Amino acid sequence: MGERFISTLIIDFCVALGIVLGGSLVGAVGSTLTHHPPMTTMSRLAEQLRIWALVAALDGSVDFLRAFGDGVWGGQLLAVAKQFAYFTASFMGCQLGYYLIKWLVMGGEGV
């Protein structure tokens, strides 16, 4: 695999992770300013932001689906495998961010 492929995997993972973590933490600050419970808000936002983080990390779902469809119908299985790897890296970033927020909300106890 090329250097560009690996760097794209890492960037997709980190973007998805950053969207979930950043959105949840900044949302908790906003909820504190509006006198709402920050931990509840942070937990809810982490859950809701996962799908948006996945889409954002994949540069929009249309490009991902187009590349995936062209690869399947065009017989380019390497392109399909790369798109699946990008999707998996983004998904793992979303899930890690979600579980980190859940862990933080629970006070470091098991998730």
Protein backbone atom coordinates (compact mmCIF):
# COMPACT_ATOMS: atom_id res chain seq x y z
CA MET A 1 0.00 0.00 0.00
CA GLY A 2 1.18 3.48 -0.76
CA GLU A 3 2.10 6.27 1.57
CA ARG A 4 -0.89 8.32 0.41
CA PHE A 5 -3.29 5.50 1.26
CA ILE A 6 -1.93 5.13 4.80
CA SER A 7 -1.96 8.88 5.39
CA THR A 8 -5.56 9.10 4.16
CA LEU A 9 -6.55 6.30 6.56
CA ILE A 10 -4.97 8.14 9.47
CA ILE A 11 -6.52 11.47 8.50
CA ASP A 12 -9.99 9.93 8.10
CA PHE A 13 -9.68 8.29 11.52
CA CYS A 14 -8.54 11.50 13.20
CA VAL A 15 -11.15 13.70 11.51
CA ALA A 16 -13.98 11.43 12.62
CA LEU A 17 -12.52 11.21 16.13
CA GLY A 18 -12.08 14.98 16.30
CA ILE A 19 -15.62 15.74 15.18
CA VAL A 20 -17.16 13.52 17.84
CA LEU A 21 -14.81 14.66 20.63
CA GLY A 22 -14.77 18.32 19.70
CA GLY A 23 -18.47 18.60 19.05
CA SER A 24 -19.36 16.87 22.27
CA LEU A 25 -16.96 18.84 24.44
CA VAL A 26 -17.81 22.23 22.95
CA GLY A 27 -21.50 21.33 23.09
CA ALA A 28 -21.07 20.61 26.80
CA VAL A 29 -19.62 24.10 27.27
CA GLY A 30 -22.66 25.52 25.49
CA SER A 31 -25.02 23.53 27.66
CA THR A 32 -23.26 24.81 30.78
CA LEU A 33 -23.73 28.38 29.58
CA THR A 34 -27.45 27.72 29.08
CA HIS A 35 -27.85 25.97 32.45
CA HIS A 36 -28.39 22.46 31.09
CA PRO A 37 -26.62 19.35 32.40
CA PRO A 38 -23.31 19.17 30.50
CA MET A 39 -22.66 15.44 30.97
CA THR A 40 -26.08 14.47 29.62
CA THR A 41 -25.66 16.85 26.69
CA MET A 42 -22.15 15.60 25.99
CA SER A 43 -23.31 11.98 25.95
CA ARG A 44 -26.26 12.73 23.68
CA LEU A 45 -24.13 14.78 21.28
CA ALA A 46 -21.50 12.06 21.04
CA GLU A 47 -24.15 9.60 19.97
CA GLN A 48 -25.75 11.96 17.46
CA LEU A 49 -22.49 13.20 15.94
CA ARG A 50 -21.21 9.75 14.97
CA ILE A 51 -23.01 9.56 11.62
CA TRP A 52 -22.05 13.13 10.70
CA ALA A 53 -18.45 12.51 11.63
CA LEU A 54 -18.43 9.45 9.40
CA VAL A 55 -19.83 11.37 6.44
CA ALA A 56 -17.48 14.31 6.96
CA ALA A 57 -14.43 12.07 7.26
CA LEU A 58 -15.32 10.37 3.98
CA ASP A 59 -15.48 13.77 2.21
CA GLY A 60 -19.22 13.43 1.67
CA SER A 61 -21.07 10.21 1.10
CA VAL A 62 -21.70 10.85 -2.62
CA ASP A 63 -18.01 10.60 -3.56
CA PHE A 64 -17.60 7.50 -1.44
CA LEU A 65 -20.63 5.79 -3.00
CA ARG A 66 -19.63 6.80 -6.53
CA ALA A 67 -16.12 5.37 -6.11
CA PHE A 68 -17.54 2.25 -4.49
CA GLY A 69 -20.09 1.74 -7.29
CA ASP A 70 -17.57 2.36 -10.07
CA GLY A 71 -15.20 -0.13 -8.47
CA VAL A 72 -17.79 -2.89 -8.10
CA TRP A 73 -19.30 -2.54 -11.56
CA GLY A 74 -15.98 -1.75 -13.23
CA GLY A 75 -14.21 -4.75 -11.76
CA GLN A 76 -11.72 -2.65 -9.80
CA LEU A 77 -11.62 -4.59 -6.57
CA LEU A 78 -8.58 -2.71 -5.25
CA ALA A 79 -10.57 0.54 -5.40
CA VAL A 80 -13.42 -1.14 -3.52
CA ALA A 81 -11.02 -2.44 -0.88
CA LYS A 82 -9.52 1.04 -0.42
CA GLN A 83 -12.95 2.63 -0.03
CA PHE A 84 -13.90 -0.03 2.50
CA ALA A 85 -10.67 0.66 4.42
CA TYR A 86 -11.42 4.40 4.46
CA PHE A 87 -14.92 3.69 5.70
CA THR A 88 -13.60 1.36 8.41
CA ALA A 89 -10.98 3.87 9.59
CA SER A 90 -13.62 6.61 9.80
CA PHE A 91 -16.03 4.32 11.61
CA MET A 92 -13.34 3.36 14.12
CA GLY A 93 -12.60 7.04 14.77
CA CYS A 94 -16.29 7.74 15.38
CA GLN A 95 -16.64 4.81 17.73
CA LEU A 96 -13.47 5.64 19.68
CA GLY A 97 -14.68 9.21 20.17
CA TYR A 98 -18.07 7.96 21.30
CA TYR A 99 -16.58 5.50 23.78
CA LEU A 100 -14.14 8.11 25.13
CA ILE A 101 -17.02 10.50 25.81
CA LYS A 102 -19.08 7.73 27.41
CA TRP A 103 -16.08 6.84 29.58
CA LEU A 104 -15.62 10.50 30.56
CA VAL A 105 -19.30 10.88 31.42
CA MET A 106 -19.25 7.73 33.56
CA GLY A 107 -16.26 9.04 35.51
CA GLY A 108 -13.71 6.61 34.15
CA GLU A 109 -15.70 3.50 35.03
CA GLY A 110 -16.40 0.77 32.46
CA VAL A 111 -18.39 1.70 29.38
